[in-house]
Amino acid sequence: MIKMLFQAGFVDIFINMIPPSIILILTIFFCTFFSKNYFKTKYKMFGYLSLFYLTYILSVITMIMSFFFWKI
């Protein structure tokens, strides 16, 4: 059982899934924060920042999905 944990599959999943997931959670937080500020204040800067983080969220999601579907 212990030997199975240290195989390359587990390490690949950890390296390619955990850090992008943490980054994804942080960018979702920033995107919602700037979106709320945009709708409250109507400053264009907050709208542009929320769009920037939204596109970054999409890139992180495609990075996570490409890890799983690239090896098929």
PDB file of N, CA and C in Angstrom:
ATOM      1  N   MET A   1       0.826  -1.197   0.000  1.00  0.00           N
ATOM      2  CA  MET A   1       0.000   0.000   0.000  1.00  0.00           C
ATOM      3  C   MET A   1       0.865   1.253   0.000  1.00  0.00           C
ATOM      4  N   ILE A   2       1.889   1.286   0.842  1.00  0.00           N
ATOM      5  CA  ILE A   2       2.766   2.455   0.908  1.00  0.00           C
ATOM      6  C   ILE A   2       3.505   2.625  -0.415  1.00  0.00           C
ATOM      7  N   LYS A   3       3.891   1.503  -1.026  1.00  0.00           N
ATOM      8  CA  LYS A   3       4.612   1.568  -2.286  1.00  0.00           C
ATOM      9  C   LYS A   3       3.751   2.209  -3.376  1.00  0.00           C
ATOM     10  N   MET A   4       2.454   1.983  -3.325  1.00  0.00           N
ATOM     11  CA  MET A   4       1.558   2.549  -4.323  1.00  0.00           C
ATOM     12  C   MET A   4       1.476   4.068  -4.214  1.00  0.00           C
ATOM     13  N   LEU A   5       1.618   4.606  -3.021  1.00  0.00           N
ATOM     14  CA  LEU A   5       1.505   6.043  -2.849  1.00  0.00           C
ATOM     15  C   LEU A   5       2.641   6.808  -3.505  1.00  0.00           C
ATOM     16  N   PHE A   6       3.794   6.175  -3.614  1.00  0.00           N
ATOM     17  CA  PHE A   6       4.957   6.860  -4.157  1.00  0.00           C
ATOM     18  C   PHE A   6       5.211   6.541  -5.620  1.00  0.00           C
ATOM     19  N   GLN A   7       4.246   5.988  -6.282  1.00  0.00           N
ATOM     20  CA  GLN A   7       4.391   5.749  -7.708  1.00  0.00           C
ATOM     21  C   GLN A   7       4.231   7.071  -8.458  1.00  0.00           C
ATOM     22  N   ALA A   8       4.605   7.077  -9.699  1.00  0.00           N
ATOM     23  CA  ALA A   8       4.603   8.310 -10.490  1.00  0.00           C
ATOM     24  C   ALA A   8       3.197   8.869 -10.675  1.00  0.00           C
ATOM     25  N   GLY A   9       2.181   8.032 -10.686  1.00  0.00           N
ATOM     26  CA  GLY A   9       0.811   8.510 -10.872  1.00  0.00           C
ATOM     27  C   GLY A   9       0.359   9.425  -9.756  1.00  0.00           C
ATOM     28  N   PHE A  10       0.647   9.057  -8.522  1.00  0.00           N
ATOM     29  CA  PHE A  10       0.254   9.880  -7.385  1.00  0.00           C
ATOM     30  C   PHE A  10       1.007  11.204  -7.381  1.00  0.00           C
ATOM     31  N   VAL A  11       2.288  11.147  -7.699  1.00  0.00           N
ATOM     32  CA  VAL A  11       3.098  12.365  -7.728  1.00  0.00           C
ATOM     33  C   VAL A  11       2.635  13.282  -8.847  1.00  0.00           C
ATOM     34  N   ASP A  12       2.297  12.729 -10.008  1.00  0.00           N
ATOM     35  CA  ASP A  12       1.786  13.531 -11.113  1.00  0.00           C
ATOM     36  C   ASP A  12       0.486  14.232 -10.746  1.00  0.00           C
ATOM     37  N   ILE A  13      -0.394  13.501 -10.095  1.00  0.00           N
ATOM     38  CA  ILE A  13      -1.668  14.104  -9.694  1.00  0.00           C
ATOM     39  C   ILE A  13      -1.427  15.210  -8.680  1.00  0.00           C
ATOM     40  N   PHE A  14      -0.523  14.996  -7.740  1.00  0.00           N
ATOM     41  CA  PHE A  14      -0.260  16.022  -6.741  1.00  0.00           C
ATOM     42  C   PHE A  14       0.343  17.271  -7.374  1.00  0.00           C
ATOM     43  N   ILE A  15       1.335  17.090  -8.221  1.00  0.00           N
ATOM     44  CA  ILE A  15       2.023  18.236  -8.819  1.00  0.00           C
ATOM     45  C   ILE A  15       1.123  18.974  -9.798  1.00  0.00           C
ATOM     46  N   ASN A  16       0.333  18.246 -10.552  1.00  0.00           N
ATOM     47  CA  ASN A  16      -0.461  18.871 -11.612  1.00  0.00           C
ATOM     48  C   ASN A  16      -1.884  19.213 -11.205  1.00  0.00           C
ATOM     49  N   MET A  17      -2.318  18.843 -10.020  1.00  0.00           N
ATOM     50  CA  MET A  17      -3.702  19.114  -9.632  1.00  0.00           C
ATOM     51  C   MET A  17      -3.810  20.020  -8.416  1.00  0.00           C
ATOM     52  N   ILE A  18      -3.004  19.814  -7.395  1.00  0.00           N
ATOM     53  CA  ILE A  18      -3.153  20.569  -6.151  1.00  0.00           C
ATOM     54  C   ILE A  18      -2.771  22.045  -6.306  1.00  0.00           C
ATOM     55  N   PRO A  19      -1.580  22.389  -6.810  1.00  0.00           N
ATOM     56  CA  PRO A  19      -1.267  23.828  -6.940  1.00  0.00           C
ATOM     57  C   PRO A  19      -2.213  24.594  -7.866  1.00  0.00           C
ATOM     58  N   PRO A  20      -2.611  24.045  -9.046  1.00  0.00           N
ATOM     59  CA  PRO A  20      -3.600  24.791  -9.832  1.00  0.00           C
ATOM     60  C   PRO A  20      -4.941  24.950  -9.119  1.00  0.00           C
ATOM     61  N   SER A  21      -5.307  23.976  -8.293  1.00  0.00           N
ATOM     62  CA  SER A  21      -6.563  24.098  -7.548  1.00  0.00           C
ATOM     63  C   SER A  21      -6.487  25.219  -6.513  1.00  0.00           C
ATOM     64  N   ILE A  22      -5.344  25.347  -5.854  1.00  0.00           N
ATOM     65  CA  ILE A  22      -5.167  26.429  -4.895  1.00  0.00           C
ATOM     66  C   ILE A  22      -5.202  27.779  -5.606  1.00  0.00           C
ATOM     67  N   ILE A  23      -4.522  27.859  -6.746  1.00  0.00           N
ATOM     68  CA  ILE A  23      -4.537  29.091  -7.527  1.00  0.00           C
ATOM     69  C   ILE A  23      -5.951  29.395  -8.007  1.00  0.00           C
ATOM     70  N   LEU A  24      -6.699  28.374  -8.375  1.00  0.00           N
ATOM     71  CA  LEU A  24      -8.071  28.561  -8.839  1.00  0.00           C
ATOM     72  C   LEU A  24      -8.949  29.137  -7.740  1.00  0.00           C
ATOM     73  N   ILE A  25      -8.809  28.647  -6.524  1.00  0.00           N
ATOM     74  CA  ILE A  25      -9.604  29.160  -5.404  1.00  0.00           C
ATOM     75  C   ILE A  25      -9.276  30.628  -5.138  1.00  0.00           C
ATOM     76  N   LEU A  26      -7.986  30.972  -5.182  1.00  0.00           N
ATOM     77  CA  LEU A  26      -7.599  32.367  -4.959  1.00  0.00           C
ATOM     78  C   LEU A  26      -8.112  33.283  -6.061  1.00  0.00           C
ATOM     79  N   THR A  27      -8.042  32.849  -7.307  1.00  0.00           N
ATOM     80  CA  THR A  27      -8.515  33.707  -8.386  1.00  0.00           C
ATOM     81  C   THR A  27     -10.030  33.855  -8.376  1.00  0.00           C
ATOM     82  N   ILE A  28     -10.748  32.828  -7.952  1.00  0.00           N
ATOM     83  CA  ILE A  28     -12.204  32.960  -7.815  1.00  0.00           C
ATOM     84  C   ILE A  28     -12.526  33.986  -6.741  1.00  0.00           C
ATOM     85  N   PHE A  29     -11.768  33.980  -5.648  1.00  0.00           N
ATOM     86  CA  PHE A  29     -11.968  34.980  -4.600  1.00  0.00           C
ATOM     87  C   PHE A  29     -11.740  36.389  -5.145  1.00  0.00           C
ATOM     88  N   PHE A  30     -10.625  36.600  -5.871  1.00  0.00           N
ATOM     89  CA  PHE A  30     -10.342  37.927  -6.404  1.00  0.00           C
ATOM     90  C   PHE A  30     -11.369  38.351  -7.444  1.00  0.00           C
ATOM     91  N   CYS A  31     -11.815  37.417  -8.262  1.00  0.00           N
ATOM     92  CA  CYS A  31     -12.810  37.732  -9.284  1.00  0.00           C
ATOM     93  C   CYS A  31     -14.125  38.177  -8.641  1.00  0.00           C
ATOM     94  N   THR A  32     -14.574  37.470  -7.621  1.00  0.00           N
ATOM     95  CA  THR A  32     -15.816  37.870  -6.951  1.00  0.00           C
ATOM     96  C   THR A  32     -15.635  39.182  -6.191  1.00  0.00           C
ATOM     97  N   PHE A  33     -14.472  39.397  -5.601  1.00  0.00           N
ATOM     98  CA  PHE A  33     -14.209  40.643  -4.882  1.00  0.00           C
ATOM     99  C   PHE A  33     -14.276  41.843  -5.821  1.00  0.00           C
ATOM    100  N   PHE A  34     -13.600  41.748  -6.972  1.00  0.00           N
ATOM    101  CA  PHE A  34     -13.609  42.863  -7.912  1.00  0.00           C
ATOM    102  C   PHE A  34     -14.960  43.016  -8.598  1.00  0.00           C
ATOM    103  N   SER A  35     -15.669  41.920  -8.810  1.00  0.00           N
ATOM    104  CA  SER A  35     -17.001  42.023  -9.407  1.00  0.00           C
ATOM    105  C   SER A  35     -17.965  42.737  -8.468  1.00  0.00           C
ATOM    106  N   LYS A  36     -17.898  42.398  -7.170  1.00  0.00           N
ATOM    107  CA  LYS A  36     -18.758  43.089  -6.203  1.00  0.00           C
ATOM    108  C   LYS A  36     -18.443  44.577  -6.158  1.00  0.00           C
ATOM    109  N   ASN A  37     -17.144  44.912  -6.154  1.00  0.00           N
ATOM    110  CA  ASN A  37     -16.767  46.324  -6.133  1.00  0.00           C
ATOM    111  C   ASN A  37     -17.196  47.047  -7.409  1.00  0.00           C
ATOM    112  N   TYR A  38     -17.165  46.359  -8.540  1.00  0.00           N
ATOM    113  CA  TYR A  38     -17.605  46.973  -9.791  1.00  0.00           C
ATOM    114  C   TYR A  38     -19.090  47.284  -9.747  1.00  0.00           C
ATOM    115  N   PHE A  39     -19.894  46.345  -9.264  1.00  0.00           N
ATOM    116  CA  PHE A  39     -21.334  46.584  -9.241  1.00  0.00           C
ATOM    117  C   PHE A  39     -21.732  47.604  -8.179  1.00  0.00           C
ATOM    118  N   LYS A  40     -20.921  47.748  -7.130  1.00  0.00           N
ATOM    119  CA  LYS A  40     -21.201  48.770  -6.117  1.00  0.00           C
ATOM    120  C   LYS A  40     -20.816  50.170  -6.595  1.00  0.00           C
ATOM    121  N   THR A  41     -19.612  50.292  -7.154  1.00  0.00           N
ATOM    122  CA  THR A  41     -19.067  51.619  -7.447  1.00  0.00           C
ATOM    123  C   THR A  41     -19.148  52.010  -8.919  1.00  0.00           C
ATOM    124  N   LYS A  42     -19.319  51.059  -9.819  1.00  0.00           N
ATOM    125  CA  LYS A  42     -19.349  51.271 -11.269  1.00  0.00           C
ATOM    126  C   LYS A  42     -18.042  51.839 -11.819  1.00  0.00           C
ATOM    127  N   TYR A  43     -16.933  51.617 -11.112  1.00  0.00           N
ATOM    128  CA  TYR A  43     -15.628  51.993 -11.657  1.00  0.00           C
ATOM    129  C   TYR A  43     -15.215  50.954 -12.692  1.00  0.00           C
ATOM    130  N   LYS A  44     -14.773  51.439 -13.856  1.00  0.00           N
ATOM    131  CA  LYS A  44     -14.405  50.519 -14.930  1.00  0.00           C
ATOM    132  C   LYS A  44     -13.196  49.662 -14.556  1.00  0.00           C
ATOM    133  N   MET A  45     -12.315  50.205 -13.712  1.00  0.00           N
ATOM    134  CA  MET A  45     -11.115  49.465 -13.330  1.00  0.00           C
ATOM    135  C   MET A  45     -11.475  48.131 -12.682  1.00  0.00           C
ATOM    136  N   PHE A  46     -12.476  48.134 -11.797  1.00  0.00           N
ATOM    137  CA  PHE A  46     -12.885  46.891 -11.145  1.00  0.00           C
ATOM    138  C   PHE A  46     -13.501  45.918 -12.147  1.00  0.00           C
ATOM    139  N   GLY A  47     -14.206  46.435 -13.129  1.00  0.00           N
ATOM    140  CA  GLY A  47     -14.762  45.573 -14.169  1.00  0.00           C
ATOM    141  C   GLY A  47     -13.687  44.927 -15.011  1.00  0.00           C
ATOM    142  N   TYR A  48     -12.667  45.705 -15.364  1.00  0.00           N
ATOM    143  CA  TYR A  48     -11.570  45.150 -16.140  1.00  0.00           C
ATOM    144  C   TYR A  48     -10.783  44.112 -15.338  1.00  0.00           C
ATOM    145  N   LEU A  49     -10.576  44.384 -14.056  1.00  0.00           N
ATOM    146  CA  LEU A  49      -9.861  43.415 -13.224  1.00  0.00           C
ATOM    147  C   LEU A  49     -10.657  42.118 -13.066  1.00  0.00           C
ATOM    148  N   SER A  50     -11.979  42.238 -12.916  1.00  0.00           N
ATOM    149  CA  SER A  50     -12.783  41.021 -12.796  1.00  0.00           C
ATOM    150  C   SER A  50     -12.770  40.227 -14.092  1.00  0.00           C
ATOM    151  N   LEU A  51     -12.763  40.905 -15.258  1.00  0.00           N
ATOM    152  CA  LEU A  51     -12.647  40.186 -16.531  1.00  0.00           C
ATOM    153  C   LEU A  51     -11.283  39.527 -16.680  1.00  0.00           C
ATOM    154  N   PHE A  52     -10.237  40.216 -16.209  1.00  0.00           N
ATOM    155  CA  PHE A  52      -8.901  39.626 -16.244  1.00  0.00           C
ATOM    156  C   PHE A  52      -8.861  38.345 -15.422  1.00  0.00           C
ATOM    157  N   TYR A  53      -9.392  38.391 -14.206  1.00  0.00           N
ATOM    158  CA  TYR A  53      -9.372  37.192 -13.364  1.00  0.00           C
ATOM    159  C   TYR A  53     -10.292  36.108 -13.912  1.00  0.00           C
ATOM    160  N   LEU A  54     -11.361  36.495 -14.574  1.00  0.00           N
ATOM    161  CA  LEU A  54     -12.245  35.495 -15.174  1.00  0.00           C
ATOM    162  C   LEU A  54     -11.536  34.741 -16.296  1.00  0.00           C
ATOM    163  N   THR A  55     -10.781  35.451 -17.132  1.00  0.00           N
ATOM    164  CA  THR A  55     -10.032  34.762 -18.186  1.00  0.00           C
ATOM    165  C   THR A  55      -8.923  33.900 -17.591  1.00  0.00           C
ATOM    166  N   TYR A  56      -8.331  34.345 -16.500  1.00  0.00           N
ATOM    167  CA  TYR A  56      -7.301  33.528 -15.853  1.00  0.00           C
ATOM    168  C   TYR A  56      -7.910  32.268 -15.242  1.00  0.00           C
ATOM    169  N   ILE A  57      -9.122  32.385 -14.696  1.00  0.00           N
ATOM    170  CA  ILE A  57      -9.815  31.212 -14.159  1.00  0.00           C
ATOM    171  C   ILE A  57     -10.047  30.188 -15.268  1.00  0.00           C
ATOM    172  N   LEU A  58     -10.463  30.664 -16.431  1.00  0.00           N
ATOM    173  CA  LEU A  58     -10.681  29.748 -17.554  1.00  0.00           C
ATOM    174  C   LEU A  58      -9.386  29.073 -17.994  1.00  0.00           C
ATOM    175  N   SER A  59      -8.264  29.802 -17.954  1.00  0.00           N
ATOM    176  CA  SER A  59      -6.998  29.187 -18.344  1.00  0.00           C
ATOM    177  C   SER A  59      -6.555  28.130 -17.333  1.00  0.00           C
ATOM    178  N   VAL A  60      -6.791  28.367 -16.047  1.00  0.00           N
ATOM    179  CA  VAL A  60      -6.419  27.372 -15.031  1.00  0.00           C
ATOM    180  C   VAL A  60      -7.303  26.130 -15.163  1.00  0.00           C
ATOM    181  N   ILE A  61      -8.588  26.330 -15.447  1.00  0.00           N
ATOM    182  CA  ILE A  61      -9.489  25.189 -15.629  1.00  0.00           C
ATOM    183  C   ILE A  61      -9.066  24.356 -16.830  1.00  0.00           C
ATOM    184  N   THR A  62      -8.688  25.010 -17.927  1.00  0.00           N
ATOM    185  CA  THR A  62      -8.230  24.243 -19.090  1.00  0.00           C
ATOM    186  C   THR A  62      -6.907  23.552 -18.811  1.00  0.00           C
ATOM    187  N   MET A  63      -6.053  24.146 -17.975  1.00  0.00           N
ATOM    188  CA  MET A  63      -4.802  23.488 -17.609  1.00  0.00           C
ATOM    189  C   MET A  63      -5.084  22.221 -16.805  1.00  0.00           C
ATOM    190  N   ILE A  64      -6.021  22.287 -15.876  1.00  0.00           N
ATOM    191  CA  ILE A  64      -6.375  21.115 -15.076  1.00  0.00           C
ATOM    192  C   ILE A  64      -7.008  20.039 -15.962  1.00  0.00           C
ATOM    193  N   MET A  65      -7.899  20.453 -16.849  1.00  0.00           N
ATOM    194  CA  MET A  65      -8.555  19.475 -17.719  1.00  0.00           C
ATOM    195  C   MET A  65      -7.581  18.855 -18.709  1.00  0.00           C
ATOM    196  N   SER A  66      -6.611  19.630 -19.193  1.00  0.00           N
ATOM    197  CA  SER A  66      -5.658  19.072 -20.146  1.00  0.00           C
ATOM    198  C   SER A  66      -4.777  18.020 -19.512  1.00  0.00           C
ATOM    199  N   PHE A  67      -4.532  18.132 -18.220  1.00  0.00           N
ATOM    200  CA  PHE A  67      -3.737  17.102 -17.542  1.00  0.00           C
ATOM    201  C   PHE A  67      -4.452  15.757 -17.583  1.00  0.00           C
ATOM    202  N   PHE A  68      -5.771  15.759 -17.402  1.00  0.00           N
ATOM    203  CA  PHE A  68      -6.511  14.497 -17.371  1.00  0.00           C
ATOM    204  C   PHE A  68      -6.799  13.950 -18.749  1.00  0.00           C
ATOM    205  N   PHE A  69      -7.044  14.819 -19.723  1.00  0.00           N
ATOM    206  CA  PHE A  69      -7.461  14.339 -21.040  1.00  0.00           C
ATOM    207  C   PHE A  69      -6.321  14.232 -22.028  1.00  0.00           C
ATOM    208  N   TRP A  70      -5.147  14.726 -21.721  1.00  0.00           N
ATOM    209  CA  TRP A  70      -4.025  14.674 -22.649  1.00  0.00           C
ATOM    210  C   TRP A  70      -3.449  13.262 -22.741  1.00  0.00           C
ATOM    211  N   LYS A  71      -3.535  12.488 -21.677  1.00  0.00           N
ATOM    212  CA  LYS A  71      -2.905  11.173 -21.628  1.00  0.00           C
ATOM    213  C   LYS A  71      -3.787  10.070 -22.188  1.00  0.00           C
ATOM    214  N   ILE A  72      -4.911  10.398 -22.712  1.00  0.00           N
ATOM    215  CA  ILE A  72      -5.829   9.358 -23.237  1.00  0.00           C
ATOM    216  C   ILE A  72      -5.287   8.802 -24.525  1.00  0.00           C
TER     217      ILE A  72
END
